[in-house]
């Protein structure tokens, strides 16, 4: 799995712990973008109960995702 990720050119954007001897160098902008993506999926997961409870087909699930995205965009 890690070799596949490395083969795609992905890089770690998680900062090292402060007490770690070998500190990773990360780009601050990439870390901020990663944080935005993680917060977005966290907000999307707040509607998970509604989506998984009622939506049985892929098309209706996609419709629910679009609906949730519209709600989040309007906030």
PDB file of N, CA and C in Angstrom:
ATOM      1  N   UNK A   1       0.823  -1.195   0.000  1.00  0.00           N
ATOM      2  CA  UNK A   1       0.000   0.000   0.000  1.00  0.00           C
ATOM      3  C   UNK A   1       0.870   1.263   0.000  1.00  0.00           C
ATOM      4  N   UNK A   2       1.865   1.304   0.852  1.00  0.00           N
ATOM      5  CA  UNK A   2       2.720   2.484   0.917  1.00  0.00           C
ATOM      6  C   UNK A   2       3.525   2.676  -0.357  1.00  0.00           C
ATOM      7  N   UNK A   3       3.913   1.571  -0.991  1.00  0.00           N
ATOM      8  CA  UNK A   3       4.664   1.709  -2.237  1.00  0.00           C
ATOM      9  C   UNK A   3       3.781   2.282  -3.335  1.00  0.00           C
ATOM     10  N   UNK A   4       2.500   1.917  -3.320  1.00  0.00           N
ATOM     11  CA  UNK A   4       1.573   2.475  -4.310  1.00  0.00           C
ATOM     12  C   UNK A   4       1.399   3.973  -4.089  1.00  0.00           C
ATOM     13  N   UNK A   5       1.286   4.384  -2.852  1.00  0.00           N
ATOM     14  CA  UNK A   5       1.149   5.812  -2.535  1.00  0.00           C
ATOM     15  C   UNK A   5       2.408   6.562  -2.944  1.00  0.00           C
ATOM     16  N   UNK A   6       3.559   6.002  -2.651  1.00  0.00           N
ATOM     17  CA  UNK A   6       4.822   6.645  -3.026  1.00  0.00           C
ATOM     18  C   UNK A   6       4.986   6.696  -4.539  1.00  0.00           C
ATOM     19  N   UNK A   7       4.489   5.675  -5.241  1.00  0.00           N
ATOM     20  CA  UNK A   7       4.605   5.651  -6.696  1.00  0.00           C
ATOM     21  C   UNK A   7       3.762   6.737  -7.352  1.00  0.00           C
ATOM     22  N   UNK A   8       2.690   7.165  -6.708  1.00  0.00           N
ATOM     23  CA  UNK A   8       1.845   8.212  -7.267  1.00  0.00           C
ATOM     24  C   UNK A   8       2.409   9.601  -7.022  1.00  0.00           C
ATOM     25  N   UNK A   9       3.470   9.675  -6.219  1.00  0.00           N
ATOM     26  CA  UNK A   9       4.084  10.972  -5.960  1.00  0.00           C
ATOM     27  C   UNK A   9       3.512  11.683  -4.756  1.00  0.00           C
ATOM     28  N   UNK A  10       2.716  10.990  -3.949  1.00  0.00           N
ATOM     29  CA  UNK A  10       2.131  11.600  -2.762  1.00  0.00           C
ATOM     30  C   UNK A  10       3.217  11.808  -1.713  1.00  0.00           C
ATOM     31  N   UNK A  11       2.987  12.786  -0.867  1.00  0.00           N
ATOM     32  CA  UNK A  11       3.938  13.060   0.197  1.00  0.00           C
ATOM     33  C   UNK A  11       3.189  13.280   1.499  1.00  0.00           C
ATOM     34  N   UNK A  12       3.852  13.029   2.607  1.00  0.00           N
ATOM     35  CA  UNK A  12       3.241  13.204   3.917  1.00  0.00           C
ATOM     36  C   UNK A  12       3.150  14.687   4.240  1.00  0.00           C
ATOM     37  N   UNK A  13       1.995  15.128   4.675  1.00  0.00           N
ATOM     38  CA  UNK A  13       1.828  16.521   5.080  1.00  0.00           C
ATOM     39  C   UNK A  13       1.360  16.588   6.534  1.00  0.00           C
ATOM     40  N   UNK A  14       1.712  15.564   7.297  1.00  0.00           N
ATOM     41  CA  UNK A  14       1.394  15.531   8.718  1.00  0.00           C
ATOM     42  C   UNK A  14       2.655  15.916   9.468  1.00  0.00           C
ATOM     43  N   UNK A  15       2.595  16.936  10.306  1.00  0.00           N
ATOM     44  CA  UNK A  15       3.801  17.329  11.022  1.00  0.00           C
ATOM     45  C   UNK A  15       4.213  16.277  12.051  1.00  0.00           C
ATOM     46  N   UNK A  16       5.500  16.205  12.319  1.00  0.00           N
ATOM     47  CA  UNK A  16       6.012  15.284  13.323  1.00  0.00           C
ATOM     48  C   UNK A  16       5.685  15.805  14.714  1.00  0.00           C
ATOM     49  N   UNK A  17       5.714  14.895  15.685  1.00  0.00           N
ATOM     50  CA  UNK A  17       5.551  15.332  17.067  1.00  0.00           C
ATOM     51  C   UNK A  17       6.770  16.140  17.480  1.00  0.00           C
ATOM     52  N   UNK A  18       6.587  17.024  18.424  1.00  0.00           N
ATOM     53  CA  UNK A  18       7.682  17.907  18.829  1.00  0.00           C
ATOM     54  C   UNK A  18       8.828  17.153  19.487  1.00  0.00           C
ATOM     55  N   UNK A  19       8.528  16.002  20.107  1.00  0.00           N
ATOM     56  CA  UNK A  19       9.588  15.277  20.790  1.00  0.00           C
ATOM     57  C   UNK A  19      10.265  14.243  19.891  1.00  0.00           C
ATOM     58  N   UNK A  20       9.914  14.192  18.618  1.00  0.00           N
ATOM     59  CA  UNK A  20      10.532  13.264  17.671  1.00  0.00           C
ATOM     60  C   UNK A  20      11.911  13.792  17.270  1.00  0.00           C
ATOM     61  N   UNK A  21      12.889  12.907  17.220  1.00  0.00           N
ATOM     62  CA  UNK A  21      14.252  13.333  16.886  1.00  0.00           C
ATOM     63  C   UNK A  21      14.388  13.753  15.436  1.00  0.00           C
ATOM     64  N   UNK A  22      13.765  13.010  14.514  1.00  0.00           N
ATOM     65  CA  UNK A  22      13.845  13.339  13.090  1.00  0.00           C
ATOM     66  C   UNK A  22      12.570  14.078  12.692  1.00  0.00           C
ATOM     67  N   UNK A  23      12.642  15.386  12.597  1.00  0.00           N
ATOM     68  CA  UNK A  23      11.491  16.205  12.253  1.00  0.00           C
ATOM     69  C   UNK A  23      11.282  16.218  10.745  1.00  0.00           C
ATOM     70  N   UNK A  24      10.025  16.012  10.326  1.00  0.00           N
ATOM     71  CA  UNK A  24       9.674  16.105   8.910  1.00  0.00           C
ATOM     72  C   UNK A  24       9.499  17.555   8.512  1.00  0.00           C
ATOM     73  N   UNK A  25       9.926  17.888   7.332  1.00  0.00           N
ATOM     74  CA  UNK A  25       9.712  19.227   6.794  1.00  0.00           C
ATOM     75  C   UNK A  25       8.458  19.165   5.926  1.00  0.00           C
ATOM     76  N   UNK A  26       7.478  19.998   6.239  1.00  0.00           N
ATOM     77  CA  UNK A  26       6.234  20.008   5.475  1.00  0.00           C
ATOM     78  C   UNK A  26       5.961  21.421   4.981  1.00  0.00           C
ATOM     79  N   UNK A  27       5.184  21.503   3.923  1.00  0.00           N
ATOM     80  CA  UNK A  27       4.762  22.807   3.417  1.00  0.00           C
ATOM     81  C   UNK A  27       3.507  23.232   4.150  1.00  0.00           C
ATOM     82  N   UNK A  28       3.519  24.418   4.672  1.00  0.00           N
ATOM     83  CA  UNK A  28       2.394  24.916   5.466  1.00  0.00           C
ATOM     84  C   UNK A  28       1.110  25.004   4.627  1.00  0.00           C
ATOM     85  N   UNK A  29       1.229  25.420   3.376  1.00  0.00           N
ATOM     86  CA  UNK A  29       0.050  25.545   2.514  1.00  0.00           C
ATOM     87  C   UNK A  29      -0.594  24.186   2.256  1.00  0.00           C
ATOM     88  N   UNK A  30       0.229  23.160   2.037  1.00  0.00           N
ATOM     89  CA  UNK A  30      -0.318  21.818   1.830  1.00  0.00           C
ATOM     90  C   UNK A  30      -1.023  21.323   3.080  1.00  0.00           C
ATOM     91  N   UNK A  31      -0.453  21.607   4.236  1.00  0.00           N
ATOM     92  CA  UNK A  31      -1.070  21.178   5.492  1.00  0.00           C
ATOM     93  C   UNK A  31      -2.403  21.891   5.703  1.00  0.00           C
ATOM     94  N   UNK A  32      -2.486  23.160   5.363  1.00  0.00           N
ATOM     95  CA  UNK A  32      -3.741  23.898   5.495  1.00  0.00           C
ATOM     96  C   UNK A  32      -4.793  23.346   4.538  1.00  0.00           C
ATOM     97  N   UNK A  33      -4.391  22.999   3.315  1.00  0.00           N
ATOM     98  CA  UNK A  33      -5.333  22.410   2.362  1.00  0.00           C
ATOM     99  C   UNK A  33      -5.819  21.048   2.840  1.00  0.00           C
ATOM    100  N   UNK A  34      -4.912  20.258   3.402  1.00  0.00           N
ATOM    101  CA  UNK A  34      -5.287  18.948   3.938  1.00  0.00           C
ATOM    102  C   UNK A  34      -6.297  19.114   5.061  1.00  0.00           C
ATOM    103  N   UNK A  35      -6.086  20.117   5.905  1.00  0.00           N
ATOM    104  CA  UNK A  35      -6.996  20.380   7.004  1.00  0.00           C
ATOM    105  C   UNK A  35      -8.387  20.748   6.490  1.00  0.00           C
ATOM    106  N   UNK A  36      -8.450  21.548   5.439  1.00  0.00           N
ATOM    107  CA  UNK A  36      -9.743  21.927   4.858  1.00  0.00           C
ATOM    108  C   UNK A  36     -10.488  20.704   4.328  1.00  0.00           C
ATOM    109  N   UNK A  37      -9.762  19.812   3.664  1.00  0.00           N
ATOM    110  CA  UNK A  37     -10.377  18.596   3.128  1.00  0.00           C
ATOM    111  C   UNK A  37     -10.888  17.711   4.260  1.00  0.00           C
ATOM    112  N   UNK A  38     -10.102  17.568   5.316  1.00  0.00           N
ATOM    113  CA  UNK A  38     -10.528  16.747   6.447  1.00  0.00           C
ATOM    114  C   UNK A  38     -11.757  17.333   7.133  1.00  0.00           C
ATOM    115  N   UNK A  39     -11.804  18.641   7.290  1.00  0.00           N
ATOM    116  CA  UNK A  39     -12.980  19.275   7.903  1.00  0.00           C
ATOM    117  C   UNK A  39     -14.206  19.121   7.020  1.00  0.00           C
ATOM    118  N   UNK A  40     -14.020  19.192   5.693  1.00  0.00           N
ATOM    119  CA  UNK A  40     -15.138  19.006   4.772  1.00  0.00           C
ATOM    120  C   UNK A  40     -15.737  17.613   4.915  1.00  0.00           C
ATOM    121  N   UNK A  41     -14.885  16.582   4.931  1.00  0.00           N
ATOM    122  CA  UNK A  41     -15.398  15.221   5.066  1.00  0.00           C
ATOM    123  C   UNK A  41     -16.014  14.994   6.440  1.00  0.00           C
ATOM    124  N   UNK A  42     -15.501  15.673   7.447  1.00  0.00           N
ATOM    125  CA  UNK A  42     -16.103  15.574   8.774  1.00  0.00           C
ATOM    126  C   UNK A  42     -17.518  16.143   8.760  1.00  0.00           C
ATOM    127  N   UNK A  43     -17.706  17.274   8.105  1.00  0.00           N
ATOM    128  CA  UNK A  43     -19.055  17.852   7.997  1.00  0.00           C
ATOM    129  C   UNK A  43     -19.975  16.956   7.183  1.00  0.00           C
ATOM    130  N   UNK A  44     -19.436  16.356   6.146  1.00  0.00           N
ATOM    131  CA  UNK A  44     -20.228  15.452   5.321  1.00  0.00           C
ATOM    132  C   UNK A  44     -20.649  14.230   6.125  1.00  0.00           C
ATOM    133  N   UNK A  45     -19.788  13.748   7.004  1.00  0.00           N
ATOM    134  CA  UNK A  45     -20.102  12.577   7.815  1.00  0.00           C
ATOM    135  C   UNK A  45     -21.165  12.867   8.870  1.00  0.00           C
ATOM    136  N   UNK A  46     -21.397  14.127   9.180  1.00  0.00           N
ATOM    137  CA  UNK A  46     -22.456  14.463  10.126  1.00  0.00           C
ATOM    138  C   UNK A  46     -23.820  14.049   9.586  1.00  0.00           C
ATOM    139  N   UNK A  47     -23.954  13.973   8.284  1.00  0.00           N
ATOM    140  CA  UNK A  47     -25.205  13.568   7.641  1.00  0.00           C
ATOM    141  C   UNK A  47     -25.205  12.082   7.305  1.00  0.00           C
ATOM    142  N   UNK A  48     -24.215  11.361   7.772  1.00  0.00           N
ATOM    143  CA  UNK A  48     -24.059   9.952   7.425  1.00  0.00           C
ATOM    144  C   UNK A  48     -25.250   9.117   7.874  1.00  0.00           C
ATOM    145  N   UNK A  49     -25.760   9.393   9.041  1.00  0.00           N
ATOM    146  CA  UNK A  49     -26.876   8.611   9.556  1.00  0.00           C
ATOM    147  C   UNK A  49     -28.089   8.712   8.638  1.00  0.00           C
ATOM    148  N   UNK A  50     -28.368   9.900   8.187  1.00  0.00           N
ATOM    149  CA  UNK A  50     -29.503  10.079   7.273  1.00  0.00           C
ATOM    150  C   UNK A  50     -29.250   9.377   5.944  1.00  0.00           C
ATOM    151  N   UNK A  51     -28.036   9.492   5.438  1.00  0.00           N
ATOM    152  CA  UNK A  51     -27.723   8.926   4.127  1.00  0.00           C
ATOM    153  C   UNK A  51     -27.731   7.406   4.152  1.00  0.00           C
ATOM    154  N   UNK A  52     -27.151   6.808   5.158  1.00  0.00           N
ATOM    155  CA  UNK A  52     -27.070   5.351   5.173  1.00  0.00           C
ATOM    156  C   UNK A  52     -28.358   4.707   5.630  1.00  0.00           C
ATOM    157  N   UNK A  53     -29.196   5.426   6.320  1.00  0.00           N
ATOM    158  CA  UNK A  53     -30.435   4.842   6.830  1.00  0.00           C
ATOM    159  C   UNK A  53     -31.487   4.702   5.738  1.00  0.00           C
ATOM    160  N   UNK A  54     -31.580   5.694   4.877  1.00  0.00           N
ATOM    161  CA  UNK A  54     -32.664   5.698   3.903  1.00  0.00           C
ATOM    162  C   UNK A  54     -32.226   5.373   2.477  1.00  0.00           C
ATOM    163  N   UNK A  55     -31.011   5.659   2.143  1.00  0.00           N
ATOM    164  CA  UNK A  55     -30.579   5.549   0.751  1.00  0.00           C
ATOM    165  C   UNK A  55     -30.056   4.151   0.457  1.00  0.00           C
ATOM    166  N   UNK A  56     -30.736   3.442  -0.436  1.00  0.00           N
ATOM    167  CA  UNK A  56     -30.355   2.065  -0.749  1.00  0.00           C
ATOM    168  C   UNK A  56     -29.646   1.929  -2.094  1.00  0.00           C
ATOM    169  N   UNK A  57     -29.872   2.841  -3.011  1.00  0.00           N
ATOM    170  CA  UNK A  57     -29.244   2.741  -4.328  1.00  0.00           C
ATOM    171  C   UNK A  57     -28.168   3.816  -4.467  1.00  0.00           C
ATOM    172  N   UNK A  58     -27.260   3.590  -5.384  1.00  0.00           N
ATOM    173  CA  UNK A  58     -26.152   4.523  -5.592  1.00  0.00           C
ATOM    174  C   UNK A  58     -26.660   5.882  -6.065  1.00  0.00           C
ATOM    175  N   UNK A  59     -27.670   5.890  -6.916  1.00  0.00           N
ATOM    176  CA  UNK A  59     -28.158   7.174  -7.434  1.00  0.00           C
ATOM    177  C   UNK A  59     -28.854   7.989  -6.351  1.00  0.00           C
ATOM    178  N   UNK A  60     -29.614   7.337  -5.485  1.00  0.00           N
ATOM    179  CA  UNK A  60     -30.273   8.089  -4.420  1.00  0.00           C
ATOM    180  C   UNK A  60     -29.251   8.541  -3.370  1.00  0.00           C
ATOM    181  N   UNK A  61     -28.204   7.737  -3.159  1.00  0.00           N
ATOM    182  CA  UNK A  61     -27.136   8.159  -2.250  1.00  0.00           C
ATOM    183  C   UNK A  61     -26.411   9.377  -2.804  1.00  0.00           C
ATOM    184  N   UNK A  62     -26.133   9.371  -4.106  1.00  0.00           N
ATOM    185  CA  UNK A  62     -25.477  10.518  -4.729  1.00  0.00           C
ATOM    186  C   UNK A  62     -26.362  11.755  -4.633  1.00  0.00           C
ATOM    187  N   UNK A  63     -27.660  11.575  -4.795  1.00  0.00           N
ATOM    188  CA  UNK A  63     -28.590  12.690  -4.641  1.00  0.00           C
ATOM    189  C   UNK A  63     -28.540  13.255  -3.231  1.00  0.00           C
ATOM    190  N   UNK A  64     -28.437  12.370  -2.244  1.00  0.00           N
ATOM    191  CA  UNK A  64     -28.343  12.818  -0.858  1.00  0.00           C
ATOM    192  C   UNK A  64     -27.035  13.568  -0.622  1.00  0.00           C
ATOM    193  N   UNK A  65     -25.950  13.085  -1.212  1.00  0.00           N
ATOM    194  CA  UNK A  65     -24.673  13.782  -1.072  1.00  0.00           C
ATOM    195  C   UNK A  65     -24.763  15.174  -1.689  1.00  0.00           C
ATOM    196  N   UNK A  66     -25.373  15.296  -2.832  1.00  0.00           N
ATOM    197  CA  UNK A  66     -25.542  16.610  -3.472  1.00  0.00           C
ATOM    198  C   UNK A  66     -26.397  17.523  -2.604  1.00  0.00           C
ATOM    199  N   UNK A  67     -27.432  16.968  -2.007  1.00  0.00           N
ATOM    200  CA  UNK A  67     -28.298  17.754  -1.131  1.00  0.00           C
ATOM    201  C   UNK A  67     -27.520  18.259   0.077  1.00  0.00           C
ATOM    202  N   UNK A  68     -26.730  17.386   0.680  1.00  0.00           N
ATOM    203  CA  UNK A  68     -25.936  17.763   1.850  1.00  0.00           C
ATOM    204  C   UNK A  68     -24.903  18.821   1.463  1.00  0.00           C
ATOM    205  N   UNK A  69     -24.275  18.660   0.313  1.00  0.00           N
ATOM    206  CA  UNK A  69     -23.308  19.658  -0.153  1.00  0.00           C
ATOM    207  C   UNK A  69     -23.967  21.020  -0.339  1.00  0.00           C
ATOM    208  N   UNK A  70     -25.170  21.022  -0.866  1.00  0.00           N
ATOM    209  CA  UNK A  70     -25.902  22.291  -1.028  1.00  0.00           C
ATOM    210  C   UNK A  70     -26.196  22.913   0.331  1.00  0.00           C
ATOM    211  N   UNK A  71     -26.592  22.084   1.304  1.00  0.00           N
ATOM    212  CA  UNK A  71     -26.855  22.611   2.649  1.00  0.00           C
ATOM    213  C   UNK A  71     -25.592  23.198   3.260  1.00  0.00           C
ATOM    214  N   UNK A  72     -24.486  22.497   3.104  1.00  0.00           N
ATOM    215  CA  UNK A  72     -23.229  23.003   3.664  1.00  0.00           C
ATOM    216  C   UNK A  72     -22.775  24.278   2.968  1.00  0.00           C
ATOM    217  N   UNK A  73     -23.022  24.351   1.677  1.00  0.00           N
ATOM    218  CA  UNK A  73     -22.629  25.547   0.925  1.00  0.00           C
ATOM    219  C   UNK A  73     -23.459  26.762   1.354  1.00  0.00           C
ATOM    220  N   UNK A  74     -24.738  26.548   1.692  1.00  0.00           N
ATOM    221  CA  UNK A  74     -25.604  27.636   2.074  1.00  0.00           C
ATOM    222  C   UNK A  74     -25.340  28.159   3.492  1.00  0.00           C
ATOM    223  N   UNK A  75     -24.641  27.397   4.302  1.00  0.00           N
ATOM    224  CA  UNK A  75     -24.356  27.845   5.682  1.00  0.00           C
ATOM    225  C   UNK A  75     -23.461  29.026   5.729  1.00  0.00           C
TER     226      UNK A  75
END
